Amino acid sequence: MKKIYKILTISAALFAAPALSFAQSSDNDPHPLTRAQVKQQAAEVFAAGYNPNESLSYPENLMAAQRRVALQHAGQATQ
């Protein structure tokens, strides 16, 4: 009998998981990003030197690339 409860519990969790795992929606954000904008941002970070395969220096590598992109945008804004 306990085995049936375990199976039912596990199967209920498996069926409920997809319903609860939708992407986050930011209802408070008046200007959500489009897919093209996200792809553009990713391309800029990769072009600035971010390598996702370097997992040992993950946060530092990403933040450094984001800083370089921000500096490029700041330089373009002043021109």
PDB file of N, CA and C in Angstrom:
ATOM      1  N   MET A   1       0.817  -1.191   0.000  1.00  0.00           N
ATOM      2  CA  MET A   1       0.000   0.000   0.000  1.00  0.00           C
ATOM      3  C   MET A   1       0.865   1.260   0.000  1.00  0.00           C
ATOM      4  N   LYS A   2       1.951   1.218   0.766  1.00  0.00           N
ATOM      5  CA  LYS A   2       2.850   2.375   0.805  1.00  0.00           C
ATOM      6  C   LYS A   2       3.495   2.604  -0.545  1.00  0.00           C
ATOM      7  N   LYS A   3       3.758   1.532  -1.274  1.00  0.00           N
ATOM      8  CA  LYS A   3       4.379   1.657  -2.578  1.00  0.00           C
ATOM      9  C   LYS A   3       3.449   2.390  -3.549  1.00  0.00           C
ATOM     10  N   ILE A   4       2.157   2.136  -3.441  1.00  0.00           N
ATOM     11  CA  ILE A   4       1.190   2.807  -4.306  1.00  0.00           C
ATOM     12  C   ILE A   4       1.176   4.305  -4.006  1.00  0.00           C
ATOM     13  N   TYR A   5       1.227   4.690  -2.739  1.00  0.00           N
ATOM     14  CA  TYR A   5       1.257   6.104  -2.370  1.00  0.00           C
ATOM     15  C   TYR A   5       2.514   6.797  -2.895  1.00  0.00           C
ATOM     16  N   LYS A   6       3.631   6.084  -2.826  1.00  0.00           N
ATOM     17  CA  LYS A   6       4.870   6.660  -3.352  1.00  0.00           C
ATOM     18  C   LYS A   6       4.767   6.876  -4.855  1.00  0.00           C
ATOM     19  N   ILE A   7       4.232   5.878  -5.548  1.00  0.00           N
ATOM     20  CA  ILE A   7       4.097   5.988  -6.999  1.00  0.00           C
ATOM     21  C   ILE A   7       3.140   7.123  -7.361  1.00  0.00           C
ATOM     22  N   LEU A   8       2.027   7.234  -6.641  1.00  0.00           N
ATOM     23  CA  LEU A   8       1.069   8.305  -6.912  1.00  0.00           C
ATOM     24  C   LEU A   8       1.672   9.680  -6.617  1.00  0.00           C
ATOM     25  N   THR A   9       2.434   9.766  -5.549  1.00  0.00           N
ATOM     26  CA  THR A   9       3.058  11.039  -5.198  1.00  0.00           C
ATOM     27  C   THR A   9       4.077  11.460  -6.251  1.00  0.00           C
ATOM     28  N   ILE A  10       4.896  10.523  -6.670  1.00  0.00           N
ATOM     29  CA  ILE A  10       5.909  10.823  -7.680  1.00  0.00           C
ATOM     30  C   ILE A  10       5.253  11.187  -9.007  1.00  0.00           C
ATOM     31  N   SER A  11       4.238  10.435  -9.406  1.00  0.00           N
ATOM     32  CA  SER A  11       3.585  10.738 -10.682  1.00  0.00           C
ATOM     33  C   SER A  11       2.859  12.082 -10.627  1.00  0.00           C
ATOM     34  N   ALA A  12       2.272  12.424  -9.488  1.00  0.00           N
ATOM     35  CA  ALA A  12       1.615  13.727  -9.355  1.00  0.00           C
ATOM     36  C   ALA A  12       2.641  14.853  -9.452  1.00  0.00           C
ATOM     37  N   ALA A  13       3.798  14.653  -8.850  1.00  0.00           N
ATOM     38  CA  ALA A  13       4.853  15.663  -8.926  1.00  0.00           C
ATOM     39  C   ALA A  13       5.364  15.812 -10.356  1.00  0.00           C
ATOM     40  N   LEU A  14       5.493  14.719 -11.068  1.00  0.00           N
ATOM     41  CA  LEU A  14       5.958  14.773 -12.453  1.00  0.00           C
ATOM     42  C   LEU A  14       4.955  15.477 -13.363  1.00  0.00           C
ATOM     43  N   PHE A  15       3.677  15.289 -13.101  1.00  0.00           N
ATOM     44  CA  PHE A  15       2.669  15.966 -13.912  1.00  0.00           C
ATOM     45  C   PHE A  15       2.528  17.433 -13.542  1.00  0.00           C
ATOM     46  N   ALA A  16       2.780  17.785 -12.295  1.00  0.00           N
ATOM     47  CA  ALA A  16       2.634  19.175 -11.856  1.00  0.00           C
ATOM     48  C   ALA A  16       3.855  20.017 -12.221  1.00  0.00           C
ATOM     49  N   ALA A  17       5.021  19.412 -12.325  1.00  0.00           N
ATOM     50  CA  ALA A  17       6.249  20.159 -12.581  1.00  0.00           C
ATOM     51  C   ALA A  17       6.200  20.995 -13.861  1.00  0.00           C
ATOM     52  N   PRO A  18       5.764  20.446 -15.002  1.00  0.00           N
ATOM     53  CA  PRO A  18       5.735  21.279 -16.207  1.00  0.00           C
ATOM     54  C   PRO A  18       4.788  22.482 -16.092  1.00  0.00           C
ATOM     55  N   ALA A  19       3.716  22.318 -15.393  1.00  0.00           N
ATOM     56  CA  ALA A  19       2.767  23.425 -15.245  1.00  0.00           C
ATOM     57  C   ALA A  19       3.348  24.550 -14.400  1.00  0.00           C
ATOM     58  N   LEU A  20       4.255  24.222 -13.514  1.00  0.00           N
ATOM     59  CA  LEU A  20       4.845  25.218 -12.625  1.00  0.00           C
ATOM     60  C   LEU A  20       6.167  25.772 -13.143  1.00  0.00           C
ATOM     61  N   SER A  21       6.620  25.292 -14.277  1.00  0.00           N
ATOM     62  CA  SER A  21       7.946  25.685 -14.747  1.00  0.00           C
ATOM     63  C   SER A  21       7.905  26.597 -15.969  1.00  0.00           C
ATOM     64  N   PHE A  22       6.877  27.385 -16.113  1.00  0.00           N
ATOM     65  CA  PHE A  22       6.826  28.335 -17.218  1.00  0.00           C
ATOM     66  C   PHE A  22       7.886  29.405 -17.031  1.00  0.00           C
ATOM     67  N   ALA A  23       8.271  30.021 -18.119  1.00  0.00           N
ATOM     68  CA  ALA A  23       9.256  31.098 -18.053  1.00  0.00           C
ATOM     69  C   ALA A  23       8.701  32.250 -17.238  1.00  0.00           C
ATOM     70  N   GLN A  24       9.594  32.962 -16.618  1.00  0.00           N
ATOM     71  CA  GLN A  24       9.171  34.100 -15.805  1.00  0.00           C
ATOM     72  C   GLN A  24       8.620  35.192 -16.699  1.00  0.00           C
ATOM     73  N   SER A  25       7.521  35.736 -16.267  1.00  0.00           N
ATOM     74  CA  SER A  25       6.990  36.893 -16.981  1.00  0.00           C
ATOM     75  C   SER A  25       7.101  38.092 -16.054  1.00  0.00           C
ATOM     76  N   SER A  26       7.598  39.156 -16.583  1.00  0.00           N
ATOM     77  CA  SER A  26       7.767  40.350 -15.759  1.00  0.00           C
ATOM     78  C   SER A  26       6.605  41.295 -16.061  1.00  0.00           C
ATOM     79  N   ASP A  27       5.521  41.128 -15.356  1.00  0.00           N
ATOM     80  CA  ASP A  27       4.343  41.959 -15.567  1.00  0.00           C
ATOM     81  C   ASP A  27       4.618  43.406 -15.187  1.00  0.00           C
ATOM     82  N   ASN A  28       5.591  43.625 -14.323  1.00  0.00           N
ATOM     83  CA  ASN A  28       5.900  44.979 -13.873  1.00  0.00           C
ATOM     84  C   ASN A  28       6.785  45.734 -14.849  1.00  0.00           C
ATOM     85  N   ASP A  29       7.394  45.024 -15.798  1.00  0.00           N
ATOM     86  CA  ASP A  29       8.304  45.658 -16.747  1.00  0.00           C
ATOM     87  C   ASP A  29       7.499  46.251 -17.899  1.00  0.00           C
ATOM     88  N   PRO A  30       7.513  47.571 -18.056  1.00  0.00           N
ATOM     89  CA  PRO A  30       6.724  48.178 -19.127  1.00  0.00           C
ATOM     90  C   PRO A  30       7.313  47.940 -20.518  1.00  0.00           C
ATOM     91  N   HIS A  31       8.613  47.574 -20.597  1.00  0.00           N
ATOM     92  CA  HIS A  31       9.265  47.358 -21.883  1.00  0.00           C
ATOM     93  C   HIS A  31      10.025  46.032 -21.871  1.00  0.00           C
ATOM     94  N   PRO A  32       9.318  44.904 -21.988  1.00  0.00           N
ATOM     95  CA  PRO A  32      10.037  43.629 -21.994  1.00  0.00           C
ATOM     96  C   PRO A  32      10.882  43.491 -23.261  1.00  0.00           C
ATOM     97  N   LEU A  33      11.961  42.741 -23.154  1.00  0.00           N
ATOM     98  CA  LEU A  33      12.857  42.555 -24.289  1.00  0.00           C
ATOM     99  C   LEU A  33      12.271  41.560 -25.277  1.00  0.00           C
ATOM    100  N   THR A  34      12.522  41.797 -26.538  1.00  0.00           N
ATOM    101  CA  THR A  34      12.120  40.841 -27.561  1.00  0.00           C
ATOM    102  C   THR A  34      13.210  39.785 -27.697  1.00  0.00           C
ATOM    103  N   ARG A  35      12.896  38.729 -28.396  1.00  0.00           N
ATOM    104  CA  ARG A  35      13.885  37.669 -28.614  1.00  0.00           C
ATOM    105  C   ARG A  35      15.082  38.217 -29.395  1.00  0.00           C
ATOM    106  N   ALA A  36      14.814  39.070 -30.355  1.00  0.00           N
ATOM    107  CA  ALA A  36      15.904  39.653 -31.147  1.00  0.00           C
ATOM    108  C   ALA A  36      16.817  40.513 -30.279  1.00  0.00           C
ATOM    109  N   GLN A  37      16.248  41.257 -29.332  1.00  0.00           N
ATOM    110  CA  GLN A  37      17.065  42.075 -28.439  1.00  0.00           C
ATOM    111  C   GLN A  37      17.935  41.205 -27.537  1.00  0.00           C
ATOM    112  N   VAL A  38      17.388  40.115 -27.043  1.00  0.00           N
ATOM    113  CA  VAL A  38      18.164  39.205 -26.194  1.00  0.00           C
ATOM    114  C   VAL A  38      19.295  38.576 -26.991  1.00  0.00           C
ATOM    115  N   LYS A  39      19.013  38.183 -28.242  1.00  0.00           N
ATOM    116  CA  LYS A  39      20.062  37.615 -29.094  1.00  0.00           C
ATOM    117  C   LYS A  39      21.155  38.640 -29.366  1.00  0.00           C
ATOM    118  N   GLN A  40      20.761  39.892 -29.576  1.00  0.00           N
ATOM    119  CA  GLN A  40      21.734  40.958 -29.820  1.00  0.00           C
ATOM    120  C   GLN A  40      22.622  41.169 -28.597  1.00  0.00           C
ATOM    121  N   GLN A  41      22.016  41.190 -27.414  1.00  0.00           N
ATOM    122  CA  GLN A  41      22.799  41.358 -26.189  1.00  0.00           C
ATOM    123  C   GLN A  41      23.770  40.202 -25.992  1.00  0.00           C
ATOM    124  N   ALA A  42      23.315  38.984 -26.266  1.00  0.00           N
ATOM    125  CA  ALA A  42      24.197  37.824 -26.130  1.00  0.00           C
ATOM    126  C   ALA A  42      25.355  37.920 -27.120  1.00  0.00           C
ATOM    127  N   ALA A  43      25.065  38.319 -28.352  1.00  0.00           N
ATOM    128  CA  ALA A  43      26.116  38.457 -29.358  1.00  0.00           C
ATOM    129  C   ALA A  43      27.141  39.504 -28.939  1.00  0.00           C
ATOM    130  N   GLU A  44      26.688  40.603 -28.351  1.00  0.00           N
ATOM    131  CA  GLU A  44      27.610  41.648 -27.892  1.00  0.00           C
ATOM    132  C   GLU A  44      28.521  41.134 -26.786  1.00  0.00           C
ATOM    133  N   VAL A  45      27.969  40.376 -25.859  1.00  0.00           N
ATOM    134  CA  VAL A  45      28.763  39.851 -24.745  1.00  0.00           C
ATOM    135  C   VAL A  45      29.780  38.834 -25.267  1.00  0.00           C
ATOM    136  N   PHE A  46      29.357  37.986 -26.209  1.00  0.00           N
ATOM    137  CA  PHE A  46      30.295  37.016 -26.775  1.00  0.00           C
ATOM    138  C   PHE A  46      31.399  37.728 -27.545  1.00  0.00           C
ATOM    139  N   ALA A  47      31.034  38.775 -28.290  1.00  0.00           N
ATOM    140  CA  ALA A  47      32.036  39.533 -29.046  1.00  0.00           C
ATOM    141  C   ALA A  47      33.005  40.265 -28.117  1.00  0.00           C
ATOM    142  N   ALA A  48      32.552  40.577 -26.909  1.00  0.00           N
ATOM    143  CA  ALA A  48      33.404  41.279 -25.941  1.00  0.00           C
ATOM    144  C   ALA A  48      34.317  40.321 -25.189  1.00  0.00           C
ATOM    145  N   GLY A  49      34.259  39.035 -25.524  1.00  0.00           N
ATOM    146  CA  GLY A  49      35.206  38.093 -24.939  1.00  0.00           C
ATOM    147  C   GLY A  49      34.635  37.085 -23.974  1.00  0.00           C
ATOM    148  N   TYR A  50      33.324  37.058 -23.791  1.00  0.00           N
ATOM    149  CA  TYR A  50      32.751  36.067 -22.877  1.00  0.00           C
ATOM    150  C   TYR A  50      32.765  34.701 -23.534  1.00  0.00           C
ATOM    151  N   ASN A  51      33.264  33.707 -22.805  1.00  0.00           N
ATOM    152  CA  ASN A  51      33.302  32.334 -23.280  1.00  0.00           C
ATOM    153  C   ASN A  51      32.572  31.465 -22.262  1.00  0.00           C
ATOM    154  N   PRO A  52      31.387  30.946 -22.598  1.00  0.00           N
ATOM    155  CA  PRO A  52      30.637  30.139 -21.636  1.00  0.00           C
ATOM    156  C   PRO A  52      31.304  28.815 -21.293  1.00  0.00           C
ATOM    157  N   ASN A  53      32.282  28.401 -22.075  1.00  0.00           N
ATOM    158  CA  ASN A  53      32.978  27.144 -21.801  1.00  0.00           C
ATOM    159  C   ASN A  53      34.031  27.275 -20.707  1.00  0.00           C
ATOM    160  N   GLU A  54      34.345  28.492 -20.320  1.00  0.00           N
ATOM    161  CA  GLU A  54      35.312  28.711 -19.242  1.00  0.00           C
ATOM    162  C   GLU A  54      34.562  28.786 -17.915  1.00  0.00           C
ATOM    163  N   SER A  55      34.127  27.641 -17.439  1.00  0.00           N
ATOM    164  CA  SER A  55      33.279  27.608 -16.244  1.00  0.00           C
ATOM    165  C   SER A  55      34.039  27.923 -14.963  1.00  0.00           C
ATOM    166  N   LEU A  56      35.361  27.784 -14.958  1.00  0.00           N
ATOM    167  CA  LEU A  56      36.110  28.055 -13.734  1.00  0.00           C
ATOM    168  C   LEU A  56      36.132  29.540 -13.394  1.00  0.00           C
ATOM    169  N   SER A  57      36.036  30.373 -14.426  1.00  0.00           N
ATOM    170  CA  SER A  57      36.036  31.815 -14.169  1.00  0.00           C
ATOM    171  C   SER A  57      34.712  32.436 -14.593  1.00  0.00           C
ATOM    172  N   TYR A  58      33.626  31.666 -14.415  1.00  0.00           N
ATOM    173  CA  TYR A  58      32.318  32.069 -14.922  1.00  0.00           C
ATOM    174  C   TYR A  58      31.864  33.465 -14.496  1.00  0.00           C
ATOM    175  N   PRO A  59      31.688  33.755 -13.236  1.00  0.00           N
ATOM    176  CA  PRO A  59      31.102  35.068 -12.947  1.00  0.00           C
ATOM    177  C   PRO A  59      32.014  36.220 -13.346  1.00  0.00           C
ATOM    178  N   GLU A  60      33.302  36.071 -13.101  1.00  0.00           N
ATOM    179  CA  GLU A  60      34.231  37.149 -13.414  1.00  0.00           C
ATOM    180  C   GLU A  60      34.308  37.376 -14.925  1.00  0.00           C
ATOM    181  N   ASN A  61      34.351  36.295 -15.695  1.00  0.00           N
ATOM    182  CA  ASN A  61      34.433  36.372 -17.146  1.00  0.00           C
ATOM    183  C   ASN A  61      33.202  37.084 -17.718  1.00  0.00           C
ATOM    184  N   LEU A  62      32.033  36.719 -17.246  1.00  0.00           N
ATOM    185  CA  LEU A  62      30.801  37.336 -17.731  1.00  0.00           C
ATOM    186  C   LEU A  62      30.722  38.807 -17.333  1.00  0.00           C
ATOM    187  N   MET A  63      31.040  39.111 -16.088  1.00  0.00           N
ATOM    188  CA  MET A  63      30.960  40.504 -15.633  1.00  0.00           C
ATOM    189  C   MET A  63      31.959  41.389 -16.364  1.00  0.00           C
ATOM    190  N   ALA A  64      33.142  40.864 -16.649  1.00  0.00           N
ATOM    191  CA  ALA A  64      34.138  41.645 -17.385  1.00  0.00           C
ATOM    192  C   ALA A  64      33.639  41.933 -18.801  1.00  0.00           C
ATOM    193  N   ALA A  65      33.043  40.944 -19.446  1.00  0.00           N
ATOM    194  CA  ALA A  65      32.508  41.152 -20.793  1.00  0.00           C
ATOM    195  C   ALA A  65      31.355  42.156 -20.764  1.00  0.00           C
ATOM    196  N   GLN A  66      30.515  42.082 -19.751  1.00  0.00           N
ATOM    197  CA  GLN A  66      29.405  43.036 -19.629  1.00  0.00           C
ATOM    198  C   GLN A  66      29.929  44.454 -19.409  1.00  0.00           C
ATOM    199  N   ARG A  67      30.997  44.588 -18.637  1.00  0.00           N
ATOM    200  CA  ARG A  67      31.600  45.921 -18.440  1.00  0.00           C
ATOM    201  C   ARG A  67      32.131  46.474 -19.758  1.00  0.00           C
ATOM    202  N   ARG A  68      32.790  45.607 -20.550  1.00  0.00           N
ATOM    203  CA  ARG A  68      33.322  46.052 -21.833  1.00  0.00           C
ATOM    204  C   ARG A  68      32.194  46.504 -22.771  1.00  0.00           C
ATOM    205  N   VAL A  69      31.087  45.760 -22.765  1.00  0.00           N
ATOM    206  CA  VAL A  69      29.937  46.142 -23.593  1.00  0.00           C
ATOM    207  C   VAL A  69      29.372  47.470 -23.112  1.00  0.00           C
ATOM    208  N   ALA A  70      29.267  47.654 -21.798  1.00  0.00           N
ATOM    209  CA  ALA A  70      28.738  48.909 -21.255  1.00  0.00           C
ATOM    210  C   ALA A  70      29.636  50.077 -21.621  1.00  0.00           C
ATOM    211  N   LEU A  71      30.948  49.872 -21.588  1.00  0.00           N
ATOM    212  CA  LEU A  71      31.881  50.926 -21.975  1.00  0.00           C
ATOM    213  C   LEU A  71      31.754  51.261 -23.463  1.00  0.00           C
ATOM    214  N   GLN A  72      31.548  50.239 -24.291  1.00  0.00           N
ATOM    215  CA  GLN A  72      31.359  50.479 -25.713  1.00  0.00           C
ATOM    216  C   GLN A  72      30.099  51.294 -25.952  1.00  0.00           C
ATOM    217  N   HIS A  73      29.018  50.954 -25.241  1.00  0.00           N
ATOM    218  CA  HIS A  73      27.766  51.700 -25.396  1.00  0.00           C
ATOM    219  C   HIS A  73      27.916  53.129 -24.883  1.00  0.00           C
ATOM    220  N   ALA A  74      28.653  53.302 -23.797  1.00  0.00           N
ATOM    221  CA  ALA A  74      28.873  54.645 -23.262  1.00  0.00           C
ATOM    222  C   ALA A  74      29.699  55.479 -24.243  1.00  0.00           C
ATOM    223  N   GLY A  75      30.680  54.853 -24.872  1.00  0.00           N
ATOM    224  CA  GLY A  75      31.493  55.549 -25.859  1.00  0.00           C
ATOM    225  C   GLY A  75      30.688  55.936 -27.089  1.00  0.00           C
ATOM    226  N   GLN A  76      29.777  55.084 -27.499  1.00  0.00           N
ATOM    227  CA  GLN A  76      28.940  55.392 -28.660  1.00  0.00           C
ATOM    228  C   GLN A  76      27.933  56.486 -28.324  1.00  0.00           C
ATOM    229  N   ALA A  77      27.495  56.542 -27.082  1.00  0.00           N
ATOM    230  CA  ALA A  77      26.501  57.539 -26.690  1.00  0.00           C
ATOM    231  C   ALA A  77      27.107  58.942 -26.649  1.00  0.00           C
ATOM    232  N   THR A  78      28.403  59.042 -26.354  1.00  0.00           N
ATOM    233  CA  THR A  78      29.047  60.350 -26.264  1.00  0.00           C
ATOM    234  C   THR A  78      29.479  60.888 -27.626  1.00  0.00           C
ATOM    235  N   GLN A  79      29.488  60.030 -28.628  1.00  0.00           N
ATOM    236  CA  GLN A  79      29.934  60.472 -29.958  1.00  0.00           C
ATOM    237  C   GLN A  79      28.832  61.138 -30.712  1.00  0.00           C
TER     238      GLN A  79
END
